[in-house]
């Protein structure tokens, strides 16, 4: 059976920047790398909220992207 080893974690925060020409909400994405793999969801969401508090646009979606190395 294969095992997975955590390699890296990335935090993505989308900010609502207005309405585009099609009438949909437009987003701008900020990506933060080198996030601690051990960080839990609450810690990451609080971090995203703190970042959003100093931005010009309201926070939309917050996403965590984890990368693993698979060993067989």
N, C-alpha and C. Protein backbone atom coordinates (compact mmCIF):
# COMPACT_ATOMS: atom_id res chain seq x y z
N UNK A 1 0.84 -1.18 0.00
CA UNK A 1 0.00 0.00 0.00
C UNK A 1 0.89 1.24 0.00
N UNK A 2 0.43 2.27 -0.68
CA UNK A 2 1.20 3.51 -0.79
C UNK A 2 0.99 4.38 0.45
N UNK A 3 2.01 5.14 0.76
CA UNK A 3 1.95 6.12 1.85
C UNK A 3 2.07 7.51 1.25
N UNK A 4 1.56 8.50 1.98
CA UNK A 4 1.70 9.88 1.54
C UNK A 4 2.43 10.69 2.60
N UNK A 5 3.34 11.52 2.14
CA UNK A 5 4.12 12.38 3.02
C UNK A 5 3.83 13.83 2.64
N UNK A 6 3.39 14.66 3.61
CA UNK A 6 3.11 16.06 3.29
C UNK A 6 4.37 16.79 2.83
N UNK A 7 4.22 17.56 1.75
CA UNK A 7 5.35 18.29 1.18
C UNK A 7 5.19 19.80 1.42
N UNK A 8 4.02 20.33 1.09
CA UNK A 8 3.81 21.77 1.24
C UNK A 8 2.33 22.07 1.38
N UNK A 9 2.04 23.29 1.83
CA UNK A 9 0.67 23.75 1.99
C UNK A 9 0.60 25.20 1.53
N UNK A 10 -0.49 25.54 0.84
CA UNK A 10 -0.69 26.88 0.30
C UNK A 10 -2.05 27.40 0.74
N UNK A 11 -2.12 28.67 1.08
CA UNK A 11 -3.38 29.32 1.44
C UNK A 11 -3.75 30.27 0.31
N UNK A 12 -4.98 30.10 -0.22
CA UNK A 12 -5.48 30.98 -1.28
C UNK A 12 -6.67 31.75 -0.75
N UNK A 13 -6.65 33.06 -0.94
CA UNK A 13 -7.75 33.91 -0.49
C UNK A 13 -8.25 34.69 -1.70
N UNK A 14 -9.55 34.54 -1.99
CA UNK A 14 -10.17 35.27 -3.09
C UNK A 14 -10.88 36.49 -2.52
N UNK A 15 -10.70 37.62 -3.17
CA UNK A 15 -11.35 38.87 -2.77
C UNK A 15 -12.33 39.29 -3.85
N UNK A 16 -13.53 39.71 -3.44
CA UNK A 16 -14.55 40.17 -4.37
C UNK A 16 -14.23 41.60 -4.79
N UNK A 17 -13.93 41.78 -6.08
CA UNK A 17 -13.49 43.10 -6.56
C UNK A 17 -14.58 43.87 -7.29
N UNK A 18 -15.76 43.28 -7.43
CA UNK A 18 -16.85 43.98 -8.11
C UNK A 18 -17.58 43.05 -9.05
N UNK A 19 -18.21 43.64 -10.06
CA UNK A 19 -18.99 42.90 -11.05
C UNK A 19 -18.29 43.02 -12.40
N UNK A 20 -18.16 41.88 -13.11
CA UNK A 20 -17.54 41.92 -14.43
C UNK A 20 -18.56 42.24 -15.50
N UNK A 21 -18.14 42.26 -16.76
CA UNK A 21 -19.02 42.65 -17.87
C UNK A 21 -20.16 41.67 -18.10
N UNK A 22 -20.05 40.45 -17.59
CA UNK A 22 -21.11 39.45 -17.73
C UNK A 22 -22.10 39.49 -16.57
N UNK A 23 -21.84 40.37 -15.61
CA UNK A 23 -22.73 40.49 -14.47
C UNK A 23 -22.40 39.56 -13.31
N UNK A 24 -21.30 38.83 -13.42
CA UNK A 24 -20.87 37.93 -12.35
C UNK A 24 -19.90 38.65 -11.41
N UNK A 25 -19.77 38.11 -10.22
CA UNK A 25 -18.82 38.69 -9.26
C UNK A 25 -17.40 38.43 -9.75
N UNK A 26 -16.58 39.46 -9.75
CA UNK A 26 -15.18 39.34 -10.14
C UNK A 26 -14.34 39.14 -8.88
N UNK A 27 -13.31 38.31 -9.02
CA UNK A 27 -12.44 37.99 -7.89
C UNK A 27 -10.99 38.28 -8.22
N UNK A 28 -10.23 38.59 -7.20
CA UNK A 28 -8.77 38.68 -7.30
C UNK A 28 -8.22 37.71 -6.26
N UNK A 29 -7.31 36.85 -6.67
CA UNK A 29 -6.78 35.82 -5.79
C UNK A 29 -5.38 36.20 -5.30
N UNK A 30 -5.19 36.01 -3.99
CA UNK A 30 -3.87 36.15 -3.38
C UNK A 30 -3.47 34.77 -2.88
N UNK A 31 -2.24 34.38 -3.14
CA UNK A 31 -1.74 33.06 -2.76
C UNK A 31 -0.57 33.23 -1.80
N UNK A 32 -0.62 32.49 -0.71
CA UNK A 32 0.43 32.53 0.31
C UNK A 32 1.03 31.15 0.43
N UNK A 33 2.32 31.04 0.16
CA UNK A 33 3.00 29.75 0.19
C UNK A 33 3.73 29.57 1.53
N UNK A 34 4.32 28.42 1.69
CA UNK A 34 5.08 28.08 2.89
C UNK A 34 4.23 28.13 4.16
N UNK A 35 2.98 27.72 4.04
CA UNK A 35 2.09 27.63 5.19
C UNK A 35 2.47 26.37 5.97
N UNK A 36 2.45 26.45 7.28
CA UNK A 36 2.79 25.29 8.10
C UNK A 36 1.80 24.15 7.82
N UNK A 37 2.33 22.99 7.53
CA UNK A 37 1.50 21.83 7.23
C UNK A 37 0.65 21.46 8.45
N UNK A 38 1.14 21.74 9.64
CA UNK A 38 0.43 21.39 10.87
C UNK A 38 -0.73 22.33 11.19
N UNK A 39 -0.84 23.45 10.50
CA UNK A 39 -1.89 24.43 10.79
C UNK A 39 -3.26 23.82 10.54
N UNK A 40 -4.19 24.08 11.46
CA UNK A 40 -5.54 23.54 11.28
C UNK A 40 -6.43 24.56 10.56
N UNK A 41 -7.65 24.14 10.25
CA UNK A 41 -8.57 24.98 9.48
C UNK A 41 -8.89 26.29 10.20
N UNK A 42 -9.11 26.23 11.52
CA UNK A 42 -9.42 27.45 12.27
C UNK A 42 -8.27 28.45 12.20
N UNK A 43 -7.06 27.98 12.36
CA UNK A 43 -5.90 28.87 12.30
C UNK A 43 -5.76 29.52 10.93
N UNK A 44 -5.97 28.75 9.88
CA UNK A 44 -5.85 29.30 8.54
C UNK A 44 -6.97 30.30 8.24
N UNK A 45 -8.18 30.01 8.69
CA UNK A 45 -9.28 30.93 8.44
C UNK A 45 -9.06 32.24 9.20
N UNK A 46 -8.58 32.16 10.45
CA UNK A 46 -8.28 33.38 11.21
C UNK A 46 -7.18 34.19 10.53
N UNK A 47 -6.20 33.51 9.98
CA UNK A 47 -5.13 34.18 9.24
C UNK A 47 -5.68 34.89 8.01
N UNK A 48 -6.54 34.19 7.27
CA UNK A 48 -7.15 34.80 6.08
C UNK A 48 -8.00 36.01 6.46
N UNK A 49 -8.74 35.92 7.56
CA UNK A 49 -9.56 37.04 8.02
C UNK A 49 -8.69 38.23 8.41
N UNK A 50 -7.54 37.96 9.04
CA UNK A 50 -6.63 39.04 9.42
C UNK A 50 -6.05 39.72 8.17
N UNK A 51 -5.72 38.92 7.18
CA UNK A 51 -5.21 39.48 5.92
C UNK A 51 -6.30 40.32 5.26
N UNK A 52 -7.52 39.80 5.25
CA UNK A 52 -8.64 40.50 4.61
C UNK A 52 -8.95 41.83 5.30
N UNK A 53 -8.68 41.91 6.59
CA UNK A 53 -9.00 43.13 7.33
C UNK A 53 -8.17 44.33 6.88
N UNK A 54 -7.06 44.09 6.21
CA UNK A 54 -6.22 45.19 5.74
C UNK A 54 -6.25 45.34 4.21
N UNK A 55 -7.22 44.68 3.58
CA UNK A 55 -7.36 44.76 2.13
C UNK A 55 -8.48 45.74 1.77
N UNK A 56 -8.50 46.14 0.51
CA UNK A 56 -9.53 47.06 0.03
C UNK A 56 -10.83 46.37 -0.33
N UNK A 57 -10.79 45.05 -0.54
CA UNK A 57 -11.96 44.31 -1.00
C UNK A 57 -12.38 43.27 0.03
N UNK A 58 -13.67 42.91 0.05
CA UNK A 58 -14.13 41.90 1.00
C UNK A 58 -13.65 40.50 0.62
N UNK A 59 -13.46 39.68 1.63
CA UNK A 59 -12.98 38.32 1.43
C UNK A 59 -14.10 37.46 0.85
N UNK A 60 -13.75 36.67 -0.13
CA UNK A 60 -14.68 35.71 -0.71
C UNK A 60 -14.35 34.32 -0.19
N UNK A 61 -13.79 33.51 -1.04
CA UNK A 61 -13.48 32.13 -0.68
C UNK A 61 -12.06 31.99 -0.13
N UNK A 62 -11.91 31.09 0.84
CA UNK A 62 -10.61 30.76 1.41
C UNK A 62 -10.37 29.28 1.11
N UNK A 63 -9.21 28.97 0.52
CA UNK A 63 -8.90 27.61 0.11
C UNK A 63 -7.51 27.21 0.60
N UNK A 64 -7.43 25.97 1.07
CA UNK A 64 -6.13 25.40 1.43
C UNK A 64 -5.79 24.33 0.41
N UNK A 65 -4.55 24.38 -0.12
CA UNK A 65 -4.10 23.40 -1.09
C UNK A 65 -2.88 22.69 -0.51
N UNK A 66 -3.02 21.40 -0.26
CA UNK A 66 -1.93 20.60 0.28
C UNK A 66 -1.34 19.73 -0.82
N UNK A 67 -0.01 19.59 -0.79
CA UNK A 67 0.70 18.75 -1.74
C UNK A 67 1.38 17.63 -0.98
N UNK A 68 1.23 16.41 -1.50
CA UNK A 68 1.81 15.24 -0.87
C UNK A 68 2.70 14.50 -1.85
N UNK A 69 3.70 13.84 -1.32
CA UNK A 69 4.53 12.93 -2.10
C UNK A 69 4.05 11.52 -1.79
N UNK A 70 3.81 10.74 -2.84
CA UNK A 70 3.33 9.37 -2.67
C UNK A 70 4.49 8.39 -2.79
N UNK A 71 4.57 7.50 -1.82
CA UNK A 71 5.64 6.52 -1.79
C UNK A 71 5.02 5.13 -1.79
N UNK A 72 5.50 4.28 -2.68
CA UNK A 72 4.92 2.94 -2.82
C UNK A 72 5.69 1.87 -2.14
